[in-house]
Amino acid sequence: MKKIKMIILSVLLILLLPIILINSVIIVNSYIKPNEIPSFFGWKPFIVLSGSMETQINTGDLVVVKDAQNTELKNGDIIAFKNGDSVITHRIVDKVEEEGKIKYKTKGDNNNATDDWYVSPEQIEGIYQFKMSKLGNIAMFIQTPIGMIICLSIPIILIILTQMTASKEKQKDMEQEIEKLKKQNKELTQSNKWLRPKAVNIKL
């Protein structure tokens, strides 16, 4: 039982610690560079808030993109790019060159028409790598102060509970050992009782 609990604790810590680490780095970067999209060593997570890329990418998914610098983008690539105050994740459908500068035409897979704008390389935040379905809402919650406190508290609570359980098991083992010693002592006492010499009256 003790081994099972330790395994469960280890698995939870393995899952939670990377999330906490990544989230912490992203939060720190957002404060250090408030005018830039925070990243984790070039990797950036984005929460999908619309269904323009369904069915490949759905609302509530968490998409992860990688810095596209020094990467030759082509038609069919999915990119995340700035558009005003928001970041959009759409697919490249055309590539044009104007006055020596490359621009990209994009479109959401679920949209009937292409976007009304061209995307310049400076707007691109990264190229799509993978998604984690429906993890967006959880990620939003973790980024809040309450969510961060809860995530940090869970491993500590698990460790405390494990230690408490281990202490109770040790106490139980000790009580069982004491009862065993009492039983052995009782058996030994009864055995010595039969071995005691009986008093003999000798008449002179």
Protein backbone atom coordinates (compact mmCIF):
# COMPACT_ATOMS: atom_id res chain seq x y z
CA MET A 1 0.00 0.00 0.00
CA LYS A 2 2.81 2.37 0.91
CA LYS A 3 4.60 1.71 -2.39
CA ILE A 4 1.40 2.39 -4.35
CA LYS A 5 0.94 5.74 -2.62
CA MET A 6 4.55 6.70 -3.30
CA ILE A 7 4.11 5.81 -6.98
CA ILE A 8 0.95 7.92 -7.24
CA LEU A 9 2.70 10.84 -5.53
CA SER A 10 5.69 10.55 -7.86
CA VAL A 11 3.47 10.49 -10.97
CA LEU A 12 1.53 13.56 -9.83
CA LEU A 13 4.74 15.44 -9.09
CA ILE A 14 6.18 14.49 -12.49
CA LEU A 15 3.04 15.85 -14.17
CA LEU A 16 2.66 19.00 -12.09
CA LEU A 17 6.24 20.22 -11.75
CA PRO A 18 6.87 20.74 -15.51
CA ILE A 19 3.56 22.61 -15.81
CA ILE A 20 4.46 24.83 -12.86
CA LEU A 21 7.98 25.41 -14.22
CA ILE A 22 6.82 26.30 -17.74
CA ASN A 23 4.03 28.51 -16.45
CA SER A 24 6.40 30.30 -14.06
CA VAL A 25 8.91 31.04 -16.84
CA ILE A 26 6.14 32.36 -19.09
CA ILE A 27 4.76 34.61 -16.32
CA VAL A 28 8.25 35.95 -15.53
CA ASN A 29 8.90 36.64 -19.23
CA SER A 30 5.58 38.48 -19.51
CA TYR A 31 6.73 40.88 -16.78
CA ILE A 32 10.27 41.27 -18.13
CA LYS A 33 9.08 41.88 -21.71
CA PRO A 34 5.52 43.23 -21.40
CA ASN A 35 5.37 44.24 -25.09
CA GLU A 36 6.21 40.75 -26.36
CA ILE A 37 4.35 37.46 -26.33
CA PRO A 38 5.87 35.42 -23.45
CA SER A 39 7.62 32.21 -24.41
CA PHE A 40 9.40 29.20 -22.95
CA PHE A 41 12.76 29.21 -24.75
CA GLY A 42 11.14 29.97 -28.10
CA TRP A 43 8.03 27.83 -27.54
CA LYS A 44 4.77 29.72 -27.13
CA PRO A 45 1.37 28.40 -26.02
CA PHE A 46 -1.83 30.03 -27.25
CA ILE A 47 -5.41 29.39 -26.19
CA VAL A 48 -7.83 29.02 -29.10
CA LEU A 49 -10.90 31.22 -28.61
CA SER A 50 -12.62 30.73 -31.98
CA GLY A 51 -13.58 27.88 -34.29
CA SER A 52 -11.96 29.26 -37.45
CA MET A 53 -9.53 26.31 -37.65
CA GLU A 54 -11.99 23.53 -36.90
CA THR A 55 -11.87 20.61 -37.14
CA GLN A 56 -8.10 20.37 -36.82
CA ILE A 57 -7.95 22.95 -34.03
CA ASN A 58 -11.00 23.53 -31.87
CA THR A 59 -12.16 26.19 -29.45
CA GLY A 60 -10.60 25.64 -26.03
CA ASP A 61 -7.55 23.82 -27.38
CA LEU A 62 -4.07 24.88 -26.34
CA VAL A 63 -1.80 25.20 -29.38
CA VAL A 64 1.96 25.34 -29.12
CA VAL A 65 4.05 27.15 -31.74
CA LYS A 66 7.80 27.41 -32.17
CA ASP A 67 9.80 30.47 -33.17
CA ALA A 68 9.76 30.60 -36.96
CA GLN A 69 12.96 32.60 -37.41
CA ASN A 70 15.31 31.05 -39.96
CA THR A 71 12.46 28.78 -41.06
CA GLU A 72 11.28 28.80 -44.67
CA LEU A 73 7.51 28.93 -44.49
CA LYS A 74 5.41 27.41 -47.24
CA ASN A 75 1.80 27.02 -48.27
CA GLY A 76 -0.05 24.72 -45.90
CA ASP A 77 1.94 25.71 -42.80
CA ILE A 78 -0.13 26.84 -39.82
CA ILE A 79 1.25 29.97 -38.19
CA ALA A 80 0.38 32.16 -35.22
CA PHE A 81 0.63 35.87 -35.97
CA LYS A 82 -0.25 39.19 -34.40
CA ASN A 83 -3.26 41.03 -35.71
CA GLY A 84 -3.76 44.17 -33.69
CA ASP A 85 -4.07 43.22 -30.02
CA SER A 86 -4.83 39.55 -30.70
CA VAL A 87 -2.94 36.53 -31.99
CA ILE A 88 -4.50 34.44 -34.75
CA THR A 89 -3.60 30.89 -35.74
CA HIS A 90 -4.38 30.31 -39.44
CA ARG A 91 -2.97 28.40 -42.39
CA ILE A 92 -0.79 29.92 -45.12
CA VAL A 93 -2.54 29.63 -48.50
CA ASP A 94 -0.39 31.95 -50.58
CA LYS A 95 3.02 33.57 -50.56
CA VAL A 96 3.75 36.80 -52.42
CA GLU A 97 6.71 39.12 -52.76
CA GLU A 98 6.30 42.88 -52.99
CA GLU A 99 9.25 45.25 -53.27
CA GLY A 100 11.61 42.52 -52.15
CA LYS A 101 9.52 41.72 -49.06
CA ILE A 102 7.69 38.44 -48.55
CA LYS A 103 4.09 38.45 -47.33
CA TYR A 104 1.71 35.60 -46.58
CA LYS A 105 -1.97 35.18 -47.29
CA THR A 106 -3.76 33.17 -44.61
CA LYS A 107 -7.11 31.46 -44.10
CA GLY A 108 -8.91 29.63 -41.36
CA ASP A 109 -9.74 26.06 -42.39
CA ASN A 110 -13.35 26.58 -41.29
CA ASN A 111 -13.72 29.98 -42.96
CA ASN A 112 -15.27 30.41 -46.40
CA ALA A 113 -12.87 33.13 -47.50
CA THR A 114 -9.24 34.08 -47.03
CA ASP A 115 -8.26 36.74 -44.52
CA ASP A 116 -8.53 40.38 -45.63
CA TRP A 117 -4.86 41.06 -44.89
CA TYR A 118 -1.36 39.91 -45.67
CA VAL A 119 0.94 38.75 -42.85
CA SER A 120 4.49 40.06 -42.76
CA PRO A 121 7.35 38.06 -41.19
CA GLU A 122 7.52 40.59 -38.34
CA GLN A 123 3.98 39.68 -37.28
CA ILE A 124 4.64 35.94 -37.07
CA GLU A 125 4.96 34.54 -33.53
CA GLY A 126 5.70 30.97 -34.56
CA ILE A 127 4.84 27.93 -36.60
CA TYR A 128 2.31 25.41 -35.28
CA GLN A 129 3.80 22.29 -33.65
CA PHE A 130 1.01 20.51 -31.79
CA LYS A 131 -2.14 21.02 -29.74
CA MET A 132 -3.50 19.80 -26.41
CA SER A 133 -7.23 19.39 -26.69
CA LYS A 134 -9.41 21.39 -24.29
CA LEU A 135 -6.42 22.35 -22.14
CA GLY A 136 -6.88 26.04 -22.84
CA ASN A 137 -9.33 26.71 -20.02
CA ILE A 138 -7.10 24.92 -17.51
CA ALA A 139 -4.10 26.92 -18.73
CA MET A 140 -6.03 30.17 -18.29
CA PHE A 141 -6.91 29.19 -14.73
CA ILE A 142 -3.32 28.23 -13.88
CA GLN A 143 -2.13 31.67 -15.00
CA THR A 144 -4.34 33.37 -12.42
CA PRO A 145 -2.92 33.99 -8.90
CA ILE A 146 -5.41 31.54 -7.37
CA GLY A 147 -4.58 28.89 -9.98
CA MET A 148 -0.85 29.27 -9.34
CA ILE A 149 -1.36 28.97 -5.57
CA ILE A 150 -3.43 25.81 -6.02
CA CYS A 151 -0.86 24.22 -8.35
CA LEU A 152 1.94 24.99 -5.92
CA SER A 153 -0.11 23.74 -2.98
CA ILE A 154 -1.08 20.36 -4.45
CA PRO A 155 2.43 18.78 -4.29
CA ILE A 156 2.95 20.11 -0.76
CA ILE A 157 -0.42 18.74 0.41
CA LEU A 158 0.32 15.37 -1.20
CA ILE A 159 3.70 15.18 0.54
CA ILE A 160 2.12 16.05 3.92
CA LEU A 161 -0.64 13.46 3.47
CA THR A 162 1.91 10.83 2.48
CA GLN A 163 4.02 11.59 5.54
CA MET A 164 0.94 11.45 7.80
CA THR A 165 -0.07 8.11 6.32
CA ALA A 166 3.46 6.78 6.74
CA SER A 167 3.49 7.91 10.41
CA LYS A 168 0.18 6.15 11.07
CA GLU A 169 1.47 2.97 9.47
CA LYS A 170 4.64 3.13 11.57
CA GLN A 171 2.56 3.65 14.71
CA LYS A 172 0.37 0.68 13.80
CA ASP A 173 3.44 -1.50 13.18
CA MET A 174 4.85 -0.43 16.55
CA GLU A 175 1.60 -1.27 18.34
CA GLN A 176 1.54 -4.68 16.68
CA GLU A 177 5.14 -5.29 17.74
CA ILE A 178 4.33 -4.31 21.34
CA GLU A 179 1.34 -6.68 21.38
CA LYS A 180 3.58 -9.42 20.02
CA LEU A 181 6.14 -8.83 22.76
CA LYS A 182 3.40 -8.84 25.42
CA LYS A 183 2.12 -12.14 24.12
CA GLN A 184 5.60 -13.65 24.10
CA ASN A 185 6.20 -12.38 27.64
CA LYS A 186 2.92 -13.88 28.81
CA GLU A 187 3.75 -17.24 27.24
CA LEU A 188 7.19 -17.16 28.81
CA THR A 189 5.73 -16.36 32.24
CA GLN A 190 3.27 -19.24 32.00
CA SER A 191 6.08 -21.58 30.96
CA ASN A 192 8.25 -20.54 33.93
CA LYS A 193 5.31 -21.12 36.27
CA TRP A 194 5.28 -24.83 35.51
CA LEU A 195 9.05 -25.08 35.93
CA ARG A 196 9.08 -23.62 39.44
CA PRO A 197 10.05 -26.26 42.12
CA LYS A 198 7.29 -27.13 44.57
CA ALA A 199 7.89 -26.68 48.28
CA VAL A 200 8.34 -29.99 50.20
CA ASN A 201 7.66 -30.29 53.90
CA ILE A 202 10.27 -32.48 55.63
CA LYS A 203 9.43 -33.83 59.08
CA LEU A 204 12.31 -34.52 61.42
